[in-house]
Amino acid sequence: MSTTPTTDEQFMQLVDTFITTANDKAQNMDRNVIGPALMFAATRFNAYMLAMATRDVEEFRQQSESARKYYLEQHEKMLTDNFKDFETNFDKYRGGN
């Protein structure tokens, strides 16, 4: 039996880490600052990922539009999925708040 998490398990563990950090920050910080900060961090890291996957700035420029479209499609899908999940589990996820 392996104790090494699968890629999917690692993904969800990392997601949970980010959400826990955001929830902790929400105890004394405006959620309207936290959400945009998370989005900015994600987009900043996505730009970094593209930069690391390309050889030079010219290749970066050439691939930017297709990468942008990919990330927008993924964000829309994830947002739609999470809105549906929250609709189904609204009271549970709000924790009575």
N, C-alpha and C. Protein backbone atom coordinates (compact mmCIF):
# COMPACT_ATOMS: atom_id res chain seq x y z
N MET A 1 0.84 -1.19 0.00
CA MET A 1 0.00 0.00 0.00
C MET A 1 0.88 1.25 0.00
N SER A 2 0.63 2.11 -0.94
CA SER A 2 1.43 3.32 -1.08
C SER A 2 0.89 4.43 -0.18
N THR A 3 1.82 5.15 0.45
CA THR A 3 1.41 6.29 1.26
C THR A 3 1.69 7.60 0.53
N THR A 4 2.24 7.52 -0.68
CA THR A 4 2.49 8.71 -1.48
C THR A 4 1.19 9.15 -2.14
N PRO A 5 0.79 10.40 -1.93
CA PRO A 5 -0.46 10.87 -2.52
C PRO A 5 -0.39 10.86 -4.05
N THR A 6 -1.50 10.55 -4.67
CA THR A 6 -1.58 10.64 -6.14
C THR A 6 -1.60 12.10 -6.53
N THR A 7 -1.46 12.36 -7.82
CA THR A 7 -1.52 13.73 -8.32
C THR A 7 -2.85 14.38 -7.94
N ASP A 8 -3.96 13.64 -8.09
CA ASP A 8 -5.28 14.19 -7.71
C ASP A 8 -5.34 14.50 -6.22
N GLU A 9 -4.77 13.62 -5.40
CA GLU A 9 -4.76 13.86 -3.95
C GLU A 9 -3.89 15.06 -3.62
N GLN A 10 -2.75 15.17 -4.28
CA GLN A 10 -1.88 16.32 -4.06
C GLN A 10 -2.59 17.61 -4.47
N PHE A 11 -3.29 17.56 -5.58
CA PHE A 11 -4.04 18.71 -6.07
C PHE A 11 -5.05 19.16 -5.02
N MET A 12 -5.85 18.23 -4.53
CA MET A 12 -6.89 18.59 -3.56
C MET A 12 -6.28 19.02 -2.23
N GLN A 13 -5.16 18.43 -1.82
CA GLN A 13 -4.49 18.88 -0.60
C GLN A 13 -4.02 20.32 -0.74
N LEU A 14 -3.48 20.65 -1.91
CA LEU A 14 -3.03 22.01 -2.15
C LEU A 14 -4.20 22.99 -2.20
N VAL A 15 -5.28 22.60 -2.85
CA VAL A 15 -6.49 23.43 -2.87
C VAL A 15 -6.97 23.68 -1.45
N ASP A 16 -7.03 22.62 -0.64
CA ASP A 16 -7.46 22.76 0.75
C ASP A 16 -6.54 23.69 1.54
N THR A 17 -5.24 23.63 1.26
CA THR A 17 -4.28 24.52 1.93
C THR A 17 -4.59 25.98 1.60
N PHE A 18 -4.83 26.27 0.32
CA PHE A 18 -5.15 27.64 -0.08
C PHE A 18 -6.46 28.11 0.54
N ILE A 19 -7.47 27.24 0.53
CA ILE A 19 -8.77 27.60 1.11
C ILE A 19 -8.66 27.82 2.62
N THR A 20 -7.92 26.97 3.29
CA THR A 20 -7.72 27.14 4.74
C THR A 20 -7.03 28.46 5.04
N THR A 21 -6.02 28.78 4.26
CA THR A 21 -5.33 30.07 4.44
C THR A 21 -6.30 31.22 4.22
N ALA A 22 -7.10 31.16 3.15
CA ALA A 22 -8.07 32.22 2.87
C ALA A 22 -9.09 32.33 4.00
N ASN A 23 -9.58 31.20 4.49
CA ASN A 23 -10.54 31.22 5.59
C ASN A 23 -9.92 31.79 6.86
N ASP A 24 -8.68 31.44 7.13
CA ASP A 24 -7.99 32.01 8.29
C ASP A 24 -7.86 33.52 8.16
N LYS A 25 -7.48 33.99 6.98
CA LYS A 25 -7.34 35.43 6.74
C LYS A 25 -8.69 36.13 6.87
N ALA A 26 -9.78 35.44 6.51
CA ALA A 26 -11.11 36.03 6.56
C ALA A 26 -11.56 36.33 7.99
N GLN A 27 -10.86 35.80 8.97
CA GLN A 27 -11.21 36.08 10.36
C GLN A 27 -10.94 37.53 10.73
N ASN A 28 -9.96 38.15 10.03
CA ASN A 28 -9.65 39.54 10.36
C ASN A 28 -9.32 40.39 9.13
N MET A 29 -9.77 39.93 7.97
CA MET A 29 -9.54 40.67 6.73
C MET A 29 -10.79 40.59 5.87
N ASP A 30 -11.03 41.62 5.11
CA ASP A 30 -12.19 41.68 4.24
C ASP A 30 -12.11 40.62 3.15
N ARG A 31 -13.16 39.80 3.02
CA ARG A 31 -13.21 38.77 1.97
C ARG A 31 -13.10 39.38 0.57
N ASN A 32 -13.52 40.64 0.45
CA ASN A 32 -13.44 41.32 -0.84
C ASN A 32 -12.01 41.69 -1.22
N VAL A 33 -11.08 41.48 -0.32
CA VAL A 33 -9.65 41.63 -0.61
C VAL A 33 -9.05 40.25 -0.88
N ILE A 34 -9.50 39.26 -0.12
CA ILE A 34 -8.93 37.91 -0.21
C ILE A 34 -9.21 37.27 -1.58
N GLY A 35 -10.45 37.30 -2.03
CA GLY A 35 -10.80 36.67 -3.30
C GLY A 35 -9.98 37.21 -4.47
N PRO A 36 -9.96 38.53 -4.65
CA PRO A 36 -9.14 39.08 -5.74
C PRO A 36 -7.64 38.79 -5.57
N ALA A 37 -7.16 38.74 -4.34
CA ALA A 37 -5.75 38.42 -4.12
C ALA A 37 -5.45 36.99 -4.58
N LEU A 38 -6.36 36.06 -4.29
CA LEU A 38 -6.19 34.68 -4.76
C LEU A 38 -6.20 34.62 -6.28
N MET A 39 -7.13 35.35 -6.90
CA MET A 39 -7.19 35.36 -8.37
C MET A 39 -5.91 35.95 -8.96
N PHE A 40 -5.43 37.04 -8.37
CA PHE A 40 -4.21 37.66 -8.88
C PHE A 40 -3.03 36.70 -8.74
N ALA A 41 -2.94 36.05 -7.60
CA ALA A 41 -1.85 35.09 -7.38
C ALA A 41 -1.91 33.96 -8.40
N ALA A 42 -3.11 33.46 -8.68
CA ALA A 42 -3.27 32.38 -9.66
C ALA A 42 -2.84 32.84 -11.05
N THR A 43 -3.28 34.03 -11.44
CA THR A 43 -2.92 34.51 -12.77
C THR A 43 -1.42 34.80 -12.87
N ARG A 44 -0.86 35.29 -11.80
CA ARG A 44 0.58 35.56 -11.78
C ARG A 44 1.36 34.26 -11.93
N PHE A 45 0.93 33.23 -11.22
CA PHE A 45 1.61 31.94 -11.31
C PHE A 45 1.40 31.31 -12.69
N ASN A 46 0.22 31.49 -13.27
CA ASN A 46 -0.03 30.96 -14.62
C ASN A 46 0.89 31.62 -15.63
N ALA A 47 1.12 32.91 -15.51
CA ALA A 47 2.06 33.61 -16.40
C ALA A 47 3.47 33.05 -16.20
N TYR A 48 3.83 32.81 -14.96
CA TYR A 48 5.13 32.21 -14.65
C TYR A 48 5.25 30.82 -15.28
N MET A 49 4.19 30.02 -15.19
CA MET A 49 4.21 28.69 -15.79
C MET A 49 4.46 28.76 -17.29
N LEU A 50 3.80 29.71 -17.97
CA LEU A 50 4.02 29.87 -19.40
C LEU A 50 5.46 30.29 -19.68
N ALA A 51 5.96 31.21 -18.89
CA ALA A 51 7.35 31.66 -19.07
C ALA A 51 8.33 30.49 -18.91
N MET A 52 8.07 29.62 -17.95
CA MET A 52 8.96 28.48 -17.72
C MET A 52 8.84 27.42 -18.81
N ALA A 53 7.72 27.40 -19.52
CA ALA A 53 7.48 26.40 -20.56
C ALA A 53 7.96 26.87 -21.94
N THR A 54 8.40 28.12 -22.03
CA THR A 54 8.84 28.65 -23.31
C THR A 54 10.33 28.98 -23.25
N ARG A 55 10.95 28.95 -24.44
CA ARG A 55 12.40 29.15 -24.51
C ARG A 55 12.81 30.61 -24.39
N ASP A 56 11.97 31.51 -24.92
CA ASP A 56 12.35 32.92 -24.95
C ASP A 56 11.08 33.77 -25.00
N VAL A 57 11.28 35.08 -24.94
CA VAL A 57 10.13 35.99 -24.89
C VAL A 57 9.30 35.91 -26.17
N GLU A 58 9.94 35.65 -27.30
CA GLU A 58 9.19 35.54 -28.55
C GLU A 58 8.24 34.35 -28.51
N GLU A 59 8.72 33.21 -28.04
CA GLU A 59 7.85 32.03 -27.91
C GLU A 59 6.76 32.29 -26.87
N PHE A 60 7.13 33.00 -25.80
CA PHE A 60 6.15 33.39 -24.78
C PHE A 60 5.03 34.19 -25.43
N ARG A 61 5.40 35.19 -26.23
CA ARG A 61 4.39 36.02 -26.92
C ARG A 61 3.51 35.17 -27.83
N GLN A 62 4.13 34.26 -28.58
CA GLN A 62 3.40 33.44 -29.52
C GLN A 62 2.39 32.53 -28.83
N GLN A 63 2.71 32.08 -27.64
CA GLN A 63 1.83 31.14 -26.94
C GLN A 63 0.88 31.82 -25.94
N SER A 64 1.05 33.10 -25.74
CA SER A 64 0.26 33.80 -24.73
C SER A 64 -1.24 33.72 -24.98
N GLU A 65 -1.67 33.95 -26.20
CA GLU A 65 -3.11 33.96 -26.48
C GLU A 65 -3.74 32.60 -26.27
N SER A 66 -3.09 31.54 -26.75
CA SER A 66 -3.67 30.20 -26.54
C SER A 66 -3.66 29.82 -25.06
N ALA A 67 -2.63 30.23 -24.33
CA ALA A 67 -2.58 29.96 -22.89
C ALA A 67 -3.69 30.74 -22.18
N ARG A 68 -3.87 32.00 -22.57
CA ARG A 68 -4.92 32.83 -21.96
C ARG A 68 -6.29 32.19 -22.19
N LYS A 69 -6.56 31.74 -23.40
CA LYS A 69 -7.84 31.09 -23.70
C LYS A 69 -8.01 29.82 -22.87
N TYR A 70 -6.95 29.04 -22.74
CA TYR A 70 -7.02 27.81 -21.94
C TYR A 70 -7.36 28.14 -20.49
N TYR A 71 -6.65 29.11 -19.90
CA TYR A 71 -6.90 29.45 -18.50
C TYR A 71 -8.29 30.04 -18.29
N LEU A 72 -8.76 30.83 -19.24
CA LEU A 72 -10.12 31.37 -19.12
C LEU A 72 -11.17 30.26 -19.18
N GLU A 73 -10.98 29.31 -20.09
CA GLU A 73 -11.91 28.17 -20.18
C GLU A 73 -11.89 27.35 -18.89
N GLN A 74 -10.72 27.10 -18.36
CA GLN A 74 -10.60 26.33 -17.12
C GLN A 74 -11.25 27.07 -15.96
N HIS A 75 -11.02 28.39 -15.87
CA HIS A 75 -11.60 29.18 -14.78
C HIS A 75 -13.12 29.15 -14.87
N GLU A 76 -13.65 29.32 -16.08
CA GLU A 76 -15.11 29.31 -16.24
C GLU A 76 -15.70 27.95 -15.85
N LYS A 77 -15.04 26.87 -16.26
CA LYS A 77 -15.53 25.53 -15.90
C LYS A 77 -15.48 25.33 -14.38
N MET A 78 -14.36 25.68 -13.76
CA MET A 78 -14.23 25.51 -12.31
C MET A 78 -15.23 26.37 -11.55
N LEU A 79 -15.42 27.60 -12.01
CA LEU A 79 -16.37 28.50 -11.36
C LEU A 79 -17.79 27.95 -11.47
N THR A 80 -18.16 27.47 -12.65
CA THR A 80 -19.49 26.88 -12.85
C THR A 80 -19.68 25.66 -11.95
N ASP A 81 -18.68 24.79 -11.91
CA ASP A 81 -18.75 23.59 -11.07
C ASP A 81 -18.88 23.95 -9.59
N ASN A 82 -18.12 24.94 -9.15
CA ASN A 82 -18.17 25.33 -7.74
C ASN A 82 -19.47 26.04 -7.38
N PHE A 83 -20.02 26.84 -8.30
CA PHE A 83 -21.32 27.46 -8.04
C PHE A 83 -22.40 26.38 -7.89
N LYS A 84 -22.36 25.38 -8.75
CA LYS A 84 -23.34 24.27 -8.64
C LYS A 84 -23.16 23.53 -7.33
N ASP A 85 -21.91 23.29 -6.94
CA ASP A 85 -21.63 22.59 -5.68
C ASP A 85 -22.15 23.40 -4.49
N PHE A 86 -21.92 24.71 -4.51
CA PHE A 86 -22.41 25.55 -3.41
C PHE A 86 -23.93 25.63 -3.39
N GLU A 87 -24.55 25.63 -4.55
CA GLU A 87 -26.01 25.64 -4.60
C GLU A 87 -26.56 24.38 -3.94
N THR A 88 -25.93 23.24 -4.22
CA THR A 88 -26.36 21.97 -3.66
C THR A 88 -26.08 21.88 -2.16
N ASN A 89 -24.99 22.47 -1.71
CA ASN A 89 -24.54 22.34 -0.32
C ASN A 89 -24.51 23.68 0.41
N PHE A 90 -25.40 24.57 0.03
CA PHE A 90 -25.36 25.96 0.51
C PHE A 90 -25.27 26.07 2.03
N ASP A 91 -26.21 25.49 2.75
CA ASP A 91 -26.24 25.61 4.20
C ASP A 91 -25.02 24.94 4.85
N LYS A 92 -24.66 23.77 4.34
CA LYS A 92 -23.50 23.04 4.87
C LYS A 92 -22.23 23.88 4.73
N TYR A 93 -21.99 24.46 3.56
CA TYR A 93 -20.75 25.20 3.32
C TYR A 93 -20.74 26.55 4.03
N ARG A 94 -21.89 27.14 4.22
CA ARG A 94 -21.93 28.42 4.92
C ARG A 94 -21.75 28.25 6.42
N GLY A 95 -21.93 27.04 6.89
CA GLY A 95 -21.73 26.77 8.30
C GLY A 95 -22.67 27.54 9.20
N GLY A 96 -23.88 27.80 8.71
CA GLY A 96 -24.86 28.51 9.52
C GLY A 96 -24.66 30.00 9.56
N ASN A 97 -23.73 30.54 8.77
CA ASN A 97 -23.48 31.99 8.75
C ASN A 97 -24.42 32.71 7.82
